[in-house]
Amino acid sequence: MAAFVYDAEKMNELAGKFDLIIDTSPANSDVGPFVGMLKFNGTYCRVGIPPANDMDFKFAYIPLIFTQKKITGSIVTGTRRMDRMLDLCATELKSYTNDSEERKAKIVQFENVNEIIMDDLLNGRNTTSKSWRYGFEW
């Protein structure tokens, strides 16, 4: 069984700070600390399925009811389909920059996602349809 190690003190400092947490870890870890970091009406989304020998899930439902938080999940496809999707994104990324001004996406280096997108949101540059389209480059 894989174990997830986290900084409990830091996670407590982040209590109630997130609208959405997307967990892509392959380990089946306790979701409690993550759910604690969600705002009222926040969502924790688990992407992928843990190993077959470690698929049990338990969580107290009372805190979810009173905070309207949600726990959701989404499966991912196999490696072959994932590779095809990533290849398509890599070859078609330039087409996003060739769109009309109204539909043009902003291409952002992945390591700069937080700074650039949060700057756009905080400075009101998220009021047109194009400002919500971002492409990420690694």
N, C-alpha and C. Protein backbone atom coordinates (compact mmCIF):
# COMPACT_ATOMS: atom_id res chain seq x y z
N MET A 1 0.84 -1.18 0.00
CA MET A 1 0.00 0.00 0.00
C MET A 1 0.89 1.24 0.00
N ALA A 2 0.61 2.15 -0.90
CA ALA A 2 1.38 3.39 -0.97
C ALA A 2 0.88 4.34 0.11
N ALA A 3 1.77 5.09 0.67
CA ALA A 3 1.39 6.06 1.71
C ALA A 3 1.67 7.46 1.20
N PHE A 4 0.74 8.34 1.49
CA PHE A 4 0.91 9.73 1.10
C PHE A 4 1.38 10.50 2.31
N VAL A 5 2.47 11.22 2.17
CA VAL A 5 3.02 12.00 3.28
C VAL A 5 2.75 13.48 2.97
N TYR A 6 2.19 14.16 3.94
CA TYR A 6 1.90 15.57 3.72
C TYR A 6 2.27 16.38 4.95
N ASP A 7 2.35 17.67 4.76
CA ASP A 7 2.69 18.60 5.83
C ASP A 7 1.39 19.07 6.48
N ALA A 8 1.02 18.41 7.58
CA ALA A 8 -0.26 18.69 8.25
C ALA A 8 -0.37 20.15 8.68
N GLU A 9 0.72 20.73 9.14
CA GLU A 9 0.68 22.12 9.59
C GLU A 9 0.35 23.05 8.43
N LYS A 10 1.00 22.84 7.30
CA LYS A 10 0.75 23.67 6.12
C LYS A 10 -0.67 23.47 5.62
N MET A 11 -1.13 22.22 5.63
CA MET A 11 -2.49 21.95 5.16
C MET A 11 -3.52 22.62 6.08
N ASN A 12 -3.25 22.65 7.37
CA ASN A 12 -4.15 23.35 8.30
C ASN A 12 -4.18 24.85 8.03
N GLU A 13 -3.02 25.42 7.67
CA GLU A 13 -2.96 26.84 7.32
C GLU A 13 -3.81 27.14 6.08
N LEU A 14 -3.95 26.15 5.22
CA LEU A 14 -4.69 26.33 3.97
C LEU A 14 -6.16 25.95 4.09
N ALA A 15 -6.63 25.71 5.29
CA ALA A 15 -8.03 25.32 5.51
C ALA A 15 -8.98 26.37 4.93
N GLY A 16 -9.94 25.89 4.14
CA GLY A 16 -10.95 26.77 3.57
C GLY A 16 -10.46 27.70 2.48
N LYS A 17 -9.35 27.38 1.80
CA LYS A 17 -8.76 28.30 0.81
C LYS A 17 -9.06 27.93 -0.65
N PHE A 18 -9.51 26.72 -0.93
CA PHE A 18 -9.63 26.26 -2.31
C PHE A 18 -11.07 25.98 -2.71
N ASP A 19 -11.43 26.35 -3.94
CA ASP A 19 -12.73 25.99 -4.50
C ASP A 19 -12.70 24.58 -5.06
N LEU A 20 -11.55 24.18 -5.59
CA LEU A 20 -11.42 22.89 -6.26
C LEU A 20 -10.04 22.32 -6.00
N ILE A 21 -9.98 21.04 -5.68
CA ILE A 21 -8.72 20.32 -5.58
C ILE A 21 -8.83 19.12 -6.49
N ILE A 22 -7.91 18.98 -7.42
CA ILE A 22 -7.85 17.82 -8.31
C ILE A 22 -6.67 16.97 -7.87
N ASP A 23 -6.96 15.79 -7.39
CA ASP A 23 -5.95 14.88 -6.86
C ASP A 23 -5.63 13.83 -7.92
N THR A 24 -4.41 13.83 -8.41
CA THR A 24 -3.99 12.86 -9.43
C THR A 24 -3.02 11.82 -8.87
N SER A 25 -2.87 11.79 -7.57
CA SER A 25 -1.94 10.86 -6.94
C SER A 25 -2.40 9.42 -7.16
N PRO A 26 -1.47 8.51 -7.45
CA PRO A 26 -1.85 7.11 -7.60
C PRO A 26 -2.10 6.42 -6.25
N ALA A 27 -1.75 7.07 -5.16
CA ALA A 27 -1.94 6.48 -3.83
C ALA A 27 -3.37 6.72 -3.34
N ASN A 28 -3.92 5.76 -2.65
CA ASN A 28 -5.25 5.91 -2.05
C ASN A 28 -5.07 6.51 -0.67
N SER A 29 -4.98 7.81 -0.60
CA SER A 29 -4.71 8.49 0.65
C SER A 29 -5.99 9.00 1.30
N ASP A 30 -5.90 9.40 2.54
CA ASP A 30 -7.01 9.97 3.28
C ASP A 30 -7.40 11.30 2.65
N VAL A 31 -8.65 11.45 2.26
CA VAL A 31 -9.09 12.69 1.62
C VAL A 31 -9.43 13.77 2.64
N GLY A 32 -9.53 13.42 3.91
CA GLY A 32 -9.91 14.37 4.95
C GLY A 32 -9.10 15.66 4.95
N PRO A 33 -7.76 15.58 4.95
CA PRO A 33 -6.97 16.82 4.95
C PRO A 33 -7.21 17.68 3.71
N PHE A 34 -7.47 17.04 2.57
CA PHE A 34 -7.74 17.78 1.34
C PHE A 34 -9.11 18.46 1.41
N VAL A 35 -10.11 17.72 1.87
CA VAL A 35 -11.45 18.28 2.00
C VAL A 35 -11.43 19.45 2.98
N GLY A 36 -10.59 19.37 3.99
CA GLY A 36 -10.46 20.47 4.95
C GLY A 36 -9.93 21.75 4.32
N MET A 37 -9.21 21.64 3.22
CA MET A 37 -8.67 22.82 2.54
C MET A 37 -9.69 23.47 1.61
N LEU A 38 -10.84 22.82 1.42
CA LEU A 38 -11.86 23.36 0.53
C LEU A 38 -12.69 24.44 1.19
N LYS A 39 -13.12 25.39 0.39
CA LYS A 39 -14.07 26.41 0.84
C LYS A 39 -15.45 25.78 0.96
N PHE A 40 -16.37 26.52 1.54
CA PHE A 40 -17.77 26.12 1.56
C PHE A 40 -18.20 25.87 0.12
N ASN A 41 -18.87 24.76 -0.14
CA ASN A 41 -19.34 24.38 -1.47
C ASN A 41 -18.20 23.98 -2.41
N GLY A 42 -17.01 23.68 -1.88
CA GLY A 42 -15.87 23.28 -2.69
C GLY A 42 -15.97 21.84 -3.16
N THR A 43 -15.09 21.47 -4.10
CA THR A 43 -15.10 20.14 -4.68
C THR A 43 -13.71 19.53 -4.66
N TYR A 44 -13.65 18.29 -4.18
CA TYR A 44 -12.44 17.47 -4.25
C TYR A 44 -12.69 16.45 -5.36
N CYS A 45 -11.83 16.42 -6.37
CA CYS A 45 -11.99 15.49 -7.48
C CYS A 45 -10.79 14.56 -7.56
N ARG A 46 -11.05 13.29 -7.47
CA ARG A 46 -10.01 12.26 -7.59
C ARG A 46 -9.98 11.79 -9.04
N VAL A 47 -8.85 11.97 -9.70
CA VAL A 47 -8.70 11.55 -11.08
C VAL A 47 -7.85 10.29 -11.10
N GLY A 48 -8.40 9.24 -11.64
CA GLY A 48 -7.69 7.97 -11.70
C GLY A 48 -8.18 7.03 -10.61
N ILE A 49 -7.79 5.80 -10.75
CA ILE A 49 -8.23 4.76 -9.83
C ILE A 49 -7.00 4.19 -9.13
N PRO A 50 -7.06 4.06 -7.78
CA PRO A 50 -5.92 3.47 -7.08
C PRO A 50 -5.79 1.98 -7.42
N PRO A 51 -4.69 1.38 -7.05
CA PRO A 51 -4.49 -0.05 -7.33
C PRO A 51 -5.65 -0.89 -6.78
N ALA A 52 -5.94 -1.99 -7.46
CA ALA A 52 -7.07 -2.85 -7.10
C ALA A 52 -7.02 -3.33 -5.66
N ASN A 53 -5.82 -3.52 -5.11
CA ASN A 53 -5.72 -4.02 -3.74
C ASN A 53 -5.85 -2.91 -2.71
N ASP A 54 -6.12 -1.67 -3.13
CA ASP A 54 -6.22 -0.55 -2.21
C ASP A 54 -7.31 0.43 -2.67
N MET A 55 -8.53 -0.07 -2.84
CA MET A 55 -9.60 0.77 -3.39
C MET A 55 -10.66 1.16 -2.38
N ASP A 56 -10.49 0.82 -1.12
CA ASP A 56 -11.50 1.18 -0.12
C ASP A 56 -11.54 2.69 0.07
N PHE A 57 -12.77 3.19 0.28
CA PHE A 57 -12.96 4.63 0.50
C PHE A 57 -13.91 4.82 1.66
N LYS A 58 -13.51 5.63 2.61
CA LYS A 58 -14.38 5.97 3.75
C LYS A 58 -14.23 7.46 4.01
N PHE A 59 -15.37 8.08 4.32
CA PHE A 59 -15.34 9.48 4.71
C PHE A 59 -16.62 9.78 5.46
N ALA A 60 -16.53 10.59 6.50
CA ALA A 60 -17.71 10.97 7.27
C ALA A 60 -18.58 11.91 6.45
N TYR A 61 -19.81 11.54 6.24
CA TYR A 61 -20.67 12.35 5.37
C TYR A 61 -21.26 13.58 6.05
N ILE A 62 -21.32 13.63 7.37
CA ILE A 62 -21.89 14.78 8.07
C ILE A 62 -21.16 16.09 7.73
N PRO A 63 -19.81 16.13 7.76
CA PRO A 63 -19.14 17.38 7.38
C PRO A 63 -19.43 17.81 5.93
N LEU A 64 -19.65 16.84 5.05
CA LEU A 64 -19.98 17.19 3.66
C LEU A 64 -21.34 17.87 3.58
N ILE A 65 -22.29 17.36 4.35
CA ILE A 65 -23.65 17.91 4.30
C ILE A 65 -23.66 19.35 4.81
N PHE A 66 -23.03 19.60 5.93
CA PHE A 66 -23.11 20.93 6.53
C PHE A 66 -22.22 21.98 5.84
N THR A 67 -21.27 21.55 5.06
CA THR A 67 -20.42 22.51 4.34
C THR A 67 -20.69 22.50 2.84
N GLN A 68 -21.60 21.65 2.40
CA GLN A 68 -21.95 21.49 1.00
C GLN A 68 -20.74 21.19 0.12
N LYS A 69 -19.75 20.54 0.70
CA LYS A 69 -18.58 20.13 -0.09
C LYS A 69 -18.92 18.85 -0.84
N LYS A 70 -18.20 18.64 -1.94
CA LYS A 70 -18.46 17.49 -2.78
C LYS A 70 -17.17 16.70 -3.00
N ILE A 71 -17.31 15.39 -3.06
CA ILE A 71 -16.21 14.51 -3.43
C ILE A 71 -16.65 13.82 -4.71
N THR A 72 -15.86 14.02 -5.76
CA THR A 72 -16.20 13.44 -7.06
C THR A 72 -15.01 12.64 -7.56
N GLY A 73 -15.23 11.93 -8.63
CA GLY A 73 -14.15 11.16 -9.23
C GLY A 73 -14.28 11.11 -10.72
N SER A 74 -13.18 10.84 -11.37
CA SER A 74 -13.15 10.72 -12.81
C SER A 74 -12.09 9.70 -13.18
N ILE A 75 -12.44 8.78 -14.06
CA ILE A 75 -11.44 7.82 -14.50
C ILE A 75 -10.60 8.45 -15.60
N VAL A 76 -9.48 7.89 -15.83
CA VAL A 76 -8.62 8.32 -16.93
C VAL A 76 -8.51 7.15 -17.89
N THR A 77 -8.15 7.45 -19.08
CA THR A 77 -8.03 6.42 -20.09
C THR A 77 -6.70 5.69 -19.96
N GLY A 78 -6.50 4.71 -20.76
CA GLY A 78 -5.25 3.98 -20.75
C GLY A 78 -4.11 4.78 -21.35
N THR A 79 -2.91 4.25 -21.25
CA THR A 79 -1.71 4.92 -21.72
C THR A 79 -1.77 5.21 -23.22
N ARG A 80 -2.26 4.26 -24.00
CA ARG A 80 -2.30 4.44 -25.46
C ARG A 80 -3.19 5.64 -25.82
N ARG A 81 -4.37 5.72 -25.24
CA ARG A 81 -5.26 6.84 -25.55
C ARG A 81 -4.73 8.15 -24.99
N MET A 82 -4.12 8.09 -23.83
CA MET A 82 -3.54 9.30 -23.24
C MET A 82 -2.43 9.82 -24.15
N ASP A 83 -1.57 8.93 -24.65
CA ASP A 83 -0.50 9.33 -25.56
C ASP A 83 -1.08 9.97 -26.83
N ARG A 84 -2.16 9.39 -27.37
CA ARG A 84 -2.79 9.96 -28.57
C ARG A 84 -3.32 11.36 -28.28
N MET A 85 -3.95 11.53 -27.12
CA MET A 85 -4.49 12.84 -26.76
C MET A 85 -3.37 13.86 -26.61
N LEU A 86 -2.27 13.48 -25.96
CA LEU A 86 -1.15 14.40 -25.78
C LEU A 86 -0.49 14.74 -27.11
N ASP A 87 -0.37 13.74 -28.01
CA ASP A 87 0.16 14.00 -29.35
C ASP A 87 -0.72 14.99 -30.11
N LEU A 88 -2.02 14.81 -30.01
CA LEU A 88 -2.95 15.71 -30.67
C LEU A 88 -2.79 17.12 -30.13
N CYS A 89 -2.70 17.24 -28.82
CA CYS A 89 -2.51 18.57 -28.21
C CYS A 89 -1.20 19.20 -28.68
N ALA A 90 -0.15 18.40 -28.76
CA ALA A 90 1.15 18.93 -29.17
C ALA A 90 1.12 19.41 -30.61
N THR A 91 0.46 18.66 -31.50
CA THR A 91 0.44 19.05 -32.90
C THR A 91 -0.56 20.15 -33.19
N GLU A 92 -1.60 20.26 -32.39
CA GLU A 92 -2.65 21.24 -32.64
C GLU A 92 -2.52 22.50 -31.79
N LEU A 93 -1.52 22.59 -30.93
CA LEU A 93 -1.39 23.72 -30.02
C LEU A 93 -1.32 25.05 -30.77
N LYS A 94 -0.63 25.06 -31.89
CA LYS A 94 -0.50 26.30 -32.66
C LYS A 94 -1.84 26.77 -33.21
N SER A 95 -2.77 25.82 -33.46
CA SER A 95 -4.08 26.23 -34.00
C SER A 95 -4.84 27.09 -32.99
N TYR A 96 -4.55 26.93 -31.71
CA TYR A 96 -5.21 27.78 -30.72
C TYR A 96 -4.81 29.24 -30.88
N THR A 97 -3.57 29.47 -31.30
CA THR A 97 -3.13 30.85 -31.46
C THR A 97 -3.56 31.45 -32.79
N ASN A 98 -4.10 30.62 -33.70
CA ASN A 98 -4.57 31.10 -35.00
C ASN A 98 -6.05 31.42 -35.00
N ASP A 99 -6.72 31.26 -33.90
CA ASP A 99 -8.15 31.56 -33.80
C ASP A 99 -8.39 33.06 -33.94
N SER A 100 -9.65 33.41 -34.16
CA SER A 100 -10.02 34.83 -34.20
C SER A 100 -9.70 35.44 -32.84
N GLU A 101 -9.62 36.75 -32.79
CA GLU A 101 -9.30 37.44 -31.53
C GLU A 101 -10.27 37.05 -30.42
N GLU A 102 -11.54 36.88 -30.79
CA GLU A 102 -12.56 36.55 -29.78
C GLU A 102 -12.33 35.17 -29.18
N ARG A 103 -11.79 34.24 -29.96
CA ARG A 103 -11.63 32.85 -29.51
C ARG A 103 -10.18 32.47 -29.20
N LYS A 104 -9.25 33.40 -29.35
CA LYS A 104 -7.84 33.08 -29.19
C LYS A 104 -7.51 32.65 -27.76
N ALA A 105 -6.71 31.62 -27.64
CA ALA A 105 -6.28 31.14 -26.32
C ALA A 105 -4.96 31.78 -25.95
N LYS A 106 -4.74 31.92 -24.68
CA LYS A 106 -3.48 32.42 -24.17
C LYS A 106 -2.61 31.21 -23.83
N ILE A 107 -1.44 31.11 -24.46
CA ILE A 107 -0.55 29.98 -24.21
C ILE A 107 0.35 30.35 -23.03
N VAL A 108 0.36 29.49 -22.03
CA VAL A 108 1.06 29.75 -20.77
C VAL A 108 2.02 28.60 -20.48
N GLN A 109 3.25 28.93 -20.13
CA GLN A 109 4.18 27.90 -19.68
C GLN A 109 3.64 27.33 -18.37
N PHE A 110 3.62 26.01 -18.24
CA PHE A 110 2.97 25.38 -17.10
C PHE A 110 3.52 25.86 -15.76
N GLU A 111 4.83 26.11 -15.69
CA GLU A 111 5.40 26.55 -14.42
C GLU A 111 4.93 27.96 -14.03
N ASN A 112 4.33 28.70 -14.98
CA ASN A 112 3.85 30.05 -14.70
C ASN A 112 2.33 30.14 -14.56
N VAL A 113 1.65 29.00 -14.54
CA VAL A 113 0.19 28.98 -14.52
C VAL A 113 -0.37 29.82 -13.38
N ASN A 114 0.07 29.57 -12.17
CA ASN A 114 -0.51 30.27 -11.02
C ASN A 114 -0.35 31.78 -11.13
N GLU A 115 0.84 32.25 -11.47
CA GLU A 115 1.09 33.69 -11.53
C GLU A 115 0.28 34.36 -12.63
N ILE A 116 0.31 33.81 -13.83
CA ILE A 116 -0.33 34.46 -14.97
C ILE A 116 -1.84 34.42 -14.86
N ILE A 117 -2.40 33.25 -14.60
CA ILE A 117 -3.85 33.14 -14.55
C ILE A 117 -4.41 33.88 -13.35
N MET A 118 -3.77 33.76 -12.20
CA MET A 118 -4.25 34.49 -11.02
C MET A 118 -4.14 36.00 -11.24
N ASP A 119 -3.09 36.46 -11.92
CA ASP A 119 -2.95 37.88 -12.24
C ASP A 119 -4.10 38.33 -13.13
N ASP A 120 -4.45 37.51 -14.14
CA ASP A 120 -5.58 37.84 -15.00
C ASP A 120 -6.87 37.94 -14.19
N LEU A 121 -7.10 36.98 -13.31
CA LEU A 121 -8.32 36.99 -12.51
C LEU A 121 -8.37 38.18 -11.56
N LEU A 122 -7.28 38.43 -10.87
CA LEU A 122 -7.25 39.51 -9.88
C LEU A 122 -7.35 40.89 -10.51
N ASN A 123 -6.90 41.03 -11.76
CA ASN A 123 -6.93 42.33 -12.43
C ASN A 123 -8.08 42.47 -13.42
N GLY A 124 -9.06 41.58 -13.32
CA GLY A 124 -10.27 41.71 -14.13
C GLY A 124 -10.11 41.42 -15.60
N ARG A 125 -9.06 40.71 -15.98
CA ARG A 125 -8.87 40.38 -17.38
C ARG A 125 -9.56 39.06 -17.72
N ASN A 126 -10.60 38.73 -16.99
CA ASN A 126 -11.32 37.48 -17.20
C ASN A 126 -12.79 37.76 -17.56
N THR A 127 -13.04 38.87 -18.21
CA THR A 127 -14.42 39.27 -18.47
C THR A 127 -14.87 39.02 -19.90
N THR A 128 -13.98 38.54 -20.76
CA THR A 128 -14.38 38.24 -22.13
C THR A 128 -14.24 36.74 -22.35
N SER A 129 -14.86 36.25 -23.41
CA SER A 129 -14.81 34.81 -23.68
C SER A 129 -13.38 34.33 -23.92
N LYS A 130 -12.55 35.15 -24.57
CA LYS A 130 -11.19 34.69 -24.87
C LYS A 130 -10.32 34.59 -23.63
N SER A 131 -10.61 35.38 -22.61
CA SER A 131 -9.74 35.39 -21.45
C SER A 131 -9.87 34.11 -20.62
N TRP A 132 -10.86 33.29 -20.91
CA TRP A 132 -11.02 32.05 -20.15
C TRP A 132 -10.37 30.87 -20.88
N ARG A 133 -9.76 31.08 -22.04
CA ARG A 133 -9.14 29.99 -22.78
C ARG A 133 -7.63 30.05 -22.59
N TYR A 134 -7.09 28.99 -22.03
CA TYR A 134 -5.65 28.90 -21.81
C TYR A 134 -5.15 27.58 -22.34
N GLY A 135 -3.99 27.60 -22.96
CA GLY A 135 -3.28 26.39 -23.37
C GLY A 135 -2.00 26.34 -22.56
N PHE A 136 -1.67 25.16 -22.07
CA PHE A 136 -0.48 25.01 -21.22
C PHE A 136 0.62 24.30 -21.99
N GLU A 137 1.82 24.87 -21.92
CA GLU A 137 3.00 24.24 -22.52
C GLU A 137 3.93 23.80 -21.42
N TRP A 138 4.46 22.59 -21.54
CA TRP A 138 5.42 22.10 -20.58
C TRP A 138 6.81 22.39 -21.06
